């Protein structure tokens, strides 16, 4: 599906992905297709209270 809207913010994957369809972000297709993430796990702080984490 082609769309005039694109996301060009941070995306962490082995492949260099320049733009992503916002609908593919919402439904999880982008992360699945490129085996990527929108959050850099290496720059996250440790959460002391585990009740704040969602599974």
PDB file of N, CA and C in Angstrom:
ATOM      1  N   UNK A   1       0.849  -1.182   0.000  1.00  0.00           N
ATOM      2  CA  UNK A   1       0.000   0.000   0.000  1.00  0.00           C
ATOM      3  C   UNK A   1       0.892   1.242   0.000  1.00  0.00           C
ATOM      4  N   UNK A   2       0.666   2.139  -0.891  1.00  0.00           N
ATOM      5  CA  UNK A   2       1.406   3.398  -0.927  1.00  0.00           C
ATOM      6  C   UNK A   2       0.590   4.451  -0.193  1.00  0.00           C
ATOM      7  N   UNK A   3       1.280   5.287   0.548  1.00  0.00           N
ATOM      8  CA  UNK A   3       0.619   6.334   1.311  1.00  0.00           C
ATOM      9  C   UNK A   3       1.458   7.606   1.244  1.00  0.00           C
ATOM     10  N   UNK A   4       0.830   8.777   1.314  1.00  0.00           N
ATOM     11  CA  UNK A   4       1.608  10.014   1.300  1.00  0.00           C
ATOM     12  C   UNK A   4       2.267  10.298   2.658  1.00  0.00           C
ATOM     13  N   UNK A   5       1.948   9.497   3.655  1.00  0.00           N
ATOM     14  CA  UNK A   5       2.486   9.714   4.991  1.00  0.00           C
ATOM     15  C   UNK A   5       3.596   8.713   5.276  1.00  0.00           C
ATOM     16  N   UNK A   6       4.688   9.184   5.863  1.00  0.00           N
ATOM     17  CA  UNK A   6       5.792   8.299   6.222  1.00  0.00           C
ATOM     18  C   UNK A   6       6.362   8.708   7.578  1.00  0.00           C
ATOM     19  N   UNK A   7       6.924   7.738   8.273  1.00  0.00           N
ATOM     20  CA  UNK A   7       7.642   7.967   9.522  1.00  0.00           C
ATOM     21  C   UNK A   7       9.123   7.921   9.177  1.00  0.00           C
ATOM     22  N   UNK A   8       9.869   8.947   9.583  1.00  0.00           N
ATOM     23  CA  UNK A   8      11.302   8.938   9.313  1.00  0.00           C
ATOM     24  C   UNK A   8      12.106   9.174  10.582  1.00  0.00           C
ATOM     25  N   UNK A   9      11.546   8.765  11.705  1.00  0.00           N
ATOM     26  CA  UNK A   9      12.230   8.888  12.988  1.00  0.00           C
ATOM     27  C   UNK A   9      13.094   7.678  13.261  1.00  0.00           C
ATOM     28  N   UNK A  10      13.561   7.543  14.495  1.00  0.00           N
ATOM     29  CA  UNK A  10      14.461   6.434  14.828  1.00  0.00           C
ATOM     30  C   UNK A  10      13.801   5.062  14.682  1.00  0.00           C
ATOM     31  N   UNK A  11      14.560   4.147  14.119  1.00  0.00           N
ATOM     32  CA  UNK A  11      14.151   2.753  13.983  1.00  0.00           C
ATOM     33  C   UNK A  11      15.422   1.927  13.998  1.00  0.00           C
ATOM     34  N   UNK A  12      15.499   0.979  14.885  1.00  0.00           N
ATOM     35  CA  UNK A  12      16.713   0.196  15.100  1.00  0.00           C
ATOM     36  C   UNK A  12      16.556  -1.192  14.498  1.00  0.00           C
ATOM     37  N   UNK A  13      17.324  -1.455  13.432  1.00  0.00           N
ATOM     38  CA  UNK A  13      17.297  -2.743  12.740  1.00  0.00           C
ATOM     39  C   UNK A  13      18.628  -2.918  12.015  1.00  0.00           C
ATOM     40  N   UNK A  14      18.924  -4.136  11.620  1.00  0.00           N
ATOM     41  CA  UNK A  14      20.148  -4.376  10.862  1.00  0.00           C
ATOM     42  C   UNK A  14      20.087  -3.711   9.492  1.00  0.00           C
ATOM     43  N   UNK A  15      18.923  -3.764   8.876  1.00  0.00           N
ATOM     44  CA  UNK A  15      18.738  -3.140   7.567  1.00  0.00           C
ATOM     45  C   UNK A  15      18.536  -1.640   7.747  1.00  0.00           C
ATOM     46  N   UNK A  16      19.062  -0.836   6.841  1.00  0.00           N
ATOM     47  CA  UNK A  16      18.881   0.609   6.893  1.00  0.00           C
ATOM     48  C   UNK A  16      17.518   0.959   6.295  1.00  0.00           C
ATOM     49  N   UNK A  17      16.556   1.256   7.152  1.00  0.00           N
ATOM     50  CA  UNK A  17      15.196   1.580   6.719  1.00  0.00           C
ATOM     51  C   UNK A  17      15.035   3.096   6.808  1.00  0.00           C
ATOM     52  N   UNK A  18      14.806   3.746   5.668  1.00  0.00           N
ATOM     53  CA  UNK A  18      14.748   5.201   5.645  1.00  0.00           C
ATOM     54  C   UNK A  18      13.380   5.755   6.040  1.00  0.00           C
ATOM     55  N   UNK A  19      12.315   5.165   5.541  1.00  0.00           N
ATOM     56  CA  UNK A  19      10.964   5.627   5.874  1.00  0.00           C
ATOM     57  C   UNK A  19      10.056   4.421   6.089  1.00  0.00           C
ATOM     58  N   UNK A  20       9.053   4.607   6.951  1.00  0.00           N
ATOM     59  CA  UNK A  20       8.121   3.528   7.277  1.00  0.00           C
ATOM     60  C   UNK A  20       6.702   4.081   7.252  1.00  0.00           C
ATOM     61  N   UNK A  21       5.799   3.303   6.751  1.00  0.00           N
ATOM     62  CA  UNK A  21       4.381   3.653   6.724  1.00  0.00           C
ATOM     63  C   UNK A  21       3.831   3.674   8.158  1.00  0.00           C
ATOM     64  N   UNK A  22       3.146   4.747   8.558  1.00  0.00           N
ATOM     65  CA  UNK A  22       2.604   4.814   9.921  1.00  0.00           C
ATOM     66  C   UNK A  22       1.642   3.672  10.263  1.00  0.00           C
ATOM     67  N   UNK A  23       0.896   3.188   9.277  1.00  0.00           N
ATOM     68  CA  UNK A  23      -0.037   2.092   9.526  1.00  0.00           C
ATOM     69  C   UNK A  23       0.726   0.792   9.801  1.00  0.00           C
ATOM     70  N   UNK A  24       1.905   0.655   9.171  1.00  0.00           N
ATOM     71  CA  UNK A  24       2.740  -0.523   9.417  1.00  0.00           C
ATOM     72  C   UNK A  24       3.362  -0.488  10.807  1.00  0.00           C
ATOM     73  N   UNK A  25       3.560   0.700  11.336  1.00  0.00           N
ATOM     74  CA  UNK A  25       4.027   0.831  12.721  1.00  0.00           C
ATOM     75  C   UNK A  25       2.904   0.410  13.658  1.00  0.00           C
ATOM     76  N   UNK A  26       1.710   0.943  13.406  1.00  0.00           N
ATOM     77  CA  UNK A  26       0.574   0.674  14.286  1.00  0.00           C
ATOM     78  C   UNK A  26       0.221  -0.807  14.358  1.00  0.00           C
ATOM     79  N   UNK A  27       0.228  -1.488  13.215  1.00  0.00           N
ATOM     80  CA  UNK A  27      -0.192  -2.899  13.229  1.00  0.00           C
ATOM     81  C   UNK A  27       0.969  -3.870  13.474  1.00  0.00           C
ATOM     82  N   UNK A  28       2.184  -3.338  13.659  1.00  0.00           N
ATOM     83  CA  UNK A  28       3.327  -4.183  13.988  1.00  0.00           C
ATOM     84  C   UNK A  28       4.061  -4.762  12.789  1.00  0.00           C
ATOM     85  N   UNK A  29       3.570  -4.493  11.584  1.00  0.00           N
ATOM     86  CA  UNK A  29       4.172  -5.074  10.385  1.00  0.00           C
ATOM     87  C   UNK A  29       5.604  -4.594  10.156  1.00  0.00           C
ATOM     88  N   UNK A  30       5.895  -3.339  10.456  1.00  0.00           N
ATOM     89  CA  UNK A  30       7.242  -2.798  10.229  1.00  0.00           C
ATOM     90  C   UNK A  30       8.270  -3.483  11.124  1.00  0.00           C
ATOM     91  N   UNK A  31       7.977  -3.574  12.401  1.00  0.00           N
ATOM     92  CA  UNK A  31       8.903  -4.226  13.338  1.00  0.00           C
ATOM     93  C   UNK A  31       9.105  -5.688  12.962  1.00  0.00           C
ATOM     94  N   UNK A  32       8.044  -6.346  12.552  1.00  0.00           N
ATOM     95  CA  UNK A  32       8.134  -7.756  12.185  1.00  0.00           C
ATOM     96  C   UNK A  32       8.918  -7.933  10.878  1.00  0.00           C
ATOM     97  N   UNK A  33       8.614  -7.131   9.877  1.00  0.00           N
ATOM     98  CA  UNK A  33       9.249  -7.258   8.564  1.00  0.00           C
ATOM     99  C   UNK A  33      10.762  -7.040   8.637  1.00  0.00           C
ATOM    100  N   UNK A  34      11.186  -6.026   9.399  1.00  0.00           N
ATOM    101  CA  UNK A  34      12.601  -5.678   9.462  1.00  0.00           C
ATOM    102  C   UNK A  34      13.285  -6.195  10.725  1.00  0.00           C
ATOM    103  N   UNK A  35      12.553  -6.943  11.551  1.00  0.00           N
ATOM    104  CA  UNK A  35      13.074  -7.442  12.824  1.00  0.00           C
ATOM    105  C   UNK A  35      13.727  -6.293  13.590  1.00  0.00           C
ATOM    106  N   UNK A  36      12.963  -5.219  13.748  1.00  0.00           N
ATOM    107  CA  UNK A  36      13.493  -4.005  14.351  1.00  0.00           C
ATOM    108  C   UNK A  36      12.672  -3.518  15.518  1.00  0.00           C
ATOM    109  N   UNK A  37      13.098  -2.380  16.055  1.00  0.00           N
ATOM    110  CA  UNK A  37      12.469  -1.803  17.230  1.00  0.00           C
ATOM    111  C   UNK A  37      12.507  -0.281  17.128  1.00  0.00           C
ATOM    112  N   UNK A  38      11.557   0.364  17.747  1.00  0.00           N
ATOM    113  CA  UNK A  38      11.521   1.820  17.775  1.00  0.00           C
ATOM    114  C   UNK A  38      12.166   2.366  19.044  1.00  0.00           C
ATOM    115  N   UNK A  39      12.576   1.496  19.916  1.00  0.00           N
ATOM    116  CA  UNK A  39      13.244   1.884  21.152  1.00  0.00           C
ATOM    117  C   UNK A  39      14.603   1.219  21.201  1.00  0.00           C
ATOM    118  N   UNK A  40      15.646   1.987  21.442  1.00  0.00           N
ATOM    119  CA  UNK A  40      16.997   1.455  21.561  1.00  0.00           C
ATOM    120  C   UNK A  40      17.169   0.909  22.974  1.00  0.00           C
ATOM    121  N   UNK A  41      17.105  -0.398  23.107  1.00  0.00           N
ATOM    122  CA  UNK A  41      17.187  -1.031  24.429  1.00  0.00           C
ATOM    123  C   UNK A  41      18.489  -0.704  25.151  1.00  0.00           C
ATOM    124  N   UNK A  42      19.537  -0.429  24.419  1.00  0.00           N
ATOM    125  CA  UNK A  42      20.825  -0.113  25.026  1.00  0.00           C
ATOM    126  C   UNK A  42      20.855   1.225  25.737  1.00  0.00           C
ATOM    127  N   UNK A  43      19.953   2.123  25.408  1.00  0.00           N
ATOM    128  CA  UNK A  43      19.952   3.436  26.053  1.00  0.00           C
ATOM    129  C   UNK A  43      18.859   3.576  27.113  1.00  0.00           C
ATOM    130  N   UNK A  44      18.165   2.501  27.412  1.00  0.00           N
ATOM    131  CA  UNK A  44      17.117   2.533  28.435  1.00  0.00           C
ATOM    132  C   UNK A  44      17.728   2.394  29.831  1.00  0.00           C
ATOM    133  N   UNK A  45      17.126   3.061  30.768  1.00  0.00           N
ATOM    134  CA  UNK A  45      17.570   2.944  32.149  1.00  0.00           C
ATOM    135  C   UNK A  45      16.954   1.715  32.792  1.00  0.00           C
ATOM    136  N   UNK A  46      17.585   1.234  33.840  1.00  0.00           N
ATOM    137  CA  UNK A  46      17.061   0.094  34.585  1.00  0.00           C
ATOM    138  C   UNK A  46      15.846   0.551  35.386  1.00  0.00           C
ATOM    139  N   UNK A  47      14.805  -0.257  35.400  1.00  0.00           N
ATOM    140  CA  UNK A  47      13.597   0.054  36.157  1.00  0.00           C
ATOM    141  C   UNK A  47      13.675  -0.659  37.498  1.00  0.00           C
ATOM    142  N   UNK A  48      13.727   0.125  38.565  1.00  0.00           N
ATOM    143  CA  UNK A  48      13.876  -0.467  39.900  1.00  0.00           C
ATOM    144  C   UNK A  48      12.595  -1.158  40.351  1.00  0.00           C
ATOM    145  N   UNK A  49      11.439  -0.561  40.057  1.00  0.00           N
ATOM    146  CA  UNK A  49      10.150  -1.116  40.472  1.00  0.00           C
ATOM    147  C   UNK A  49       9.552  -1.895  39.301  1.00  0.00           C
ATOM    148  N   UNK A  50       9.650  -3.197  39.317  1.00  0.00           N
ATOM    149  CA  UNK A  50       9.202  -4.036  38.203  1.00  0.00           C
ATOM    150  C   UNK A  50       7.707  -3.927  37.917  1.00  0.00           C
ATOM    151  N   UNK A  51       6.923  -3.376  38.878  1.00  0.00           N
ATOM    152  CA  UNK A  51       5.489  -3.228  38.653  1.00  0.00           C
ATOM    153  C   UNK A  51       5.215  -2.160  37.569  1.00  0.00           C
ATOM    154  N   UNK A  52       6.206  -1.348  37.216  1.00  0.00           N
ATOM    155  CA  UNK A  52       6.042  -0.341  36.167  1.00  0.00           C
ATOM    156  C   UNK A  52       6.227  -0.925  34.770  1.00  0.00           C
ATOM    157  N   UNK A  53       6.719  -2.126  34.682  1.00  0.00           N
ATOM    158  CA  UNK A  53       6.953  -2.756  33.391  1.00  0.00           C
ATOM    159  C   UNK A  53       5.684  -3.435  32.885  1.00  0.00           C
ATOM    160  N   UNK A  54       5.453  -3.322  31.572  1.00  0.00           N
ATOM    161  CA  UNK A  54       4.329  -4.029  30.960  1.00  0.00           C
ATOM    162  C   UNK A  54       4.870  -5.244  30.249  1.00  0.00           C
ATOM    163  N   UNK A  55       4.119  -6.318  30.275  1.00  0.00           N
ATOM    164  CA  UNK A  55       4.561  -7.500  29.538  1.00  0.00           C
ATOM    165  C   UNK A  55       3.750  -7.698  28.302  1.00  0.00           C
TER     166      UNK A  55
END
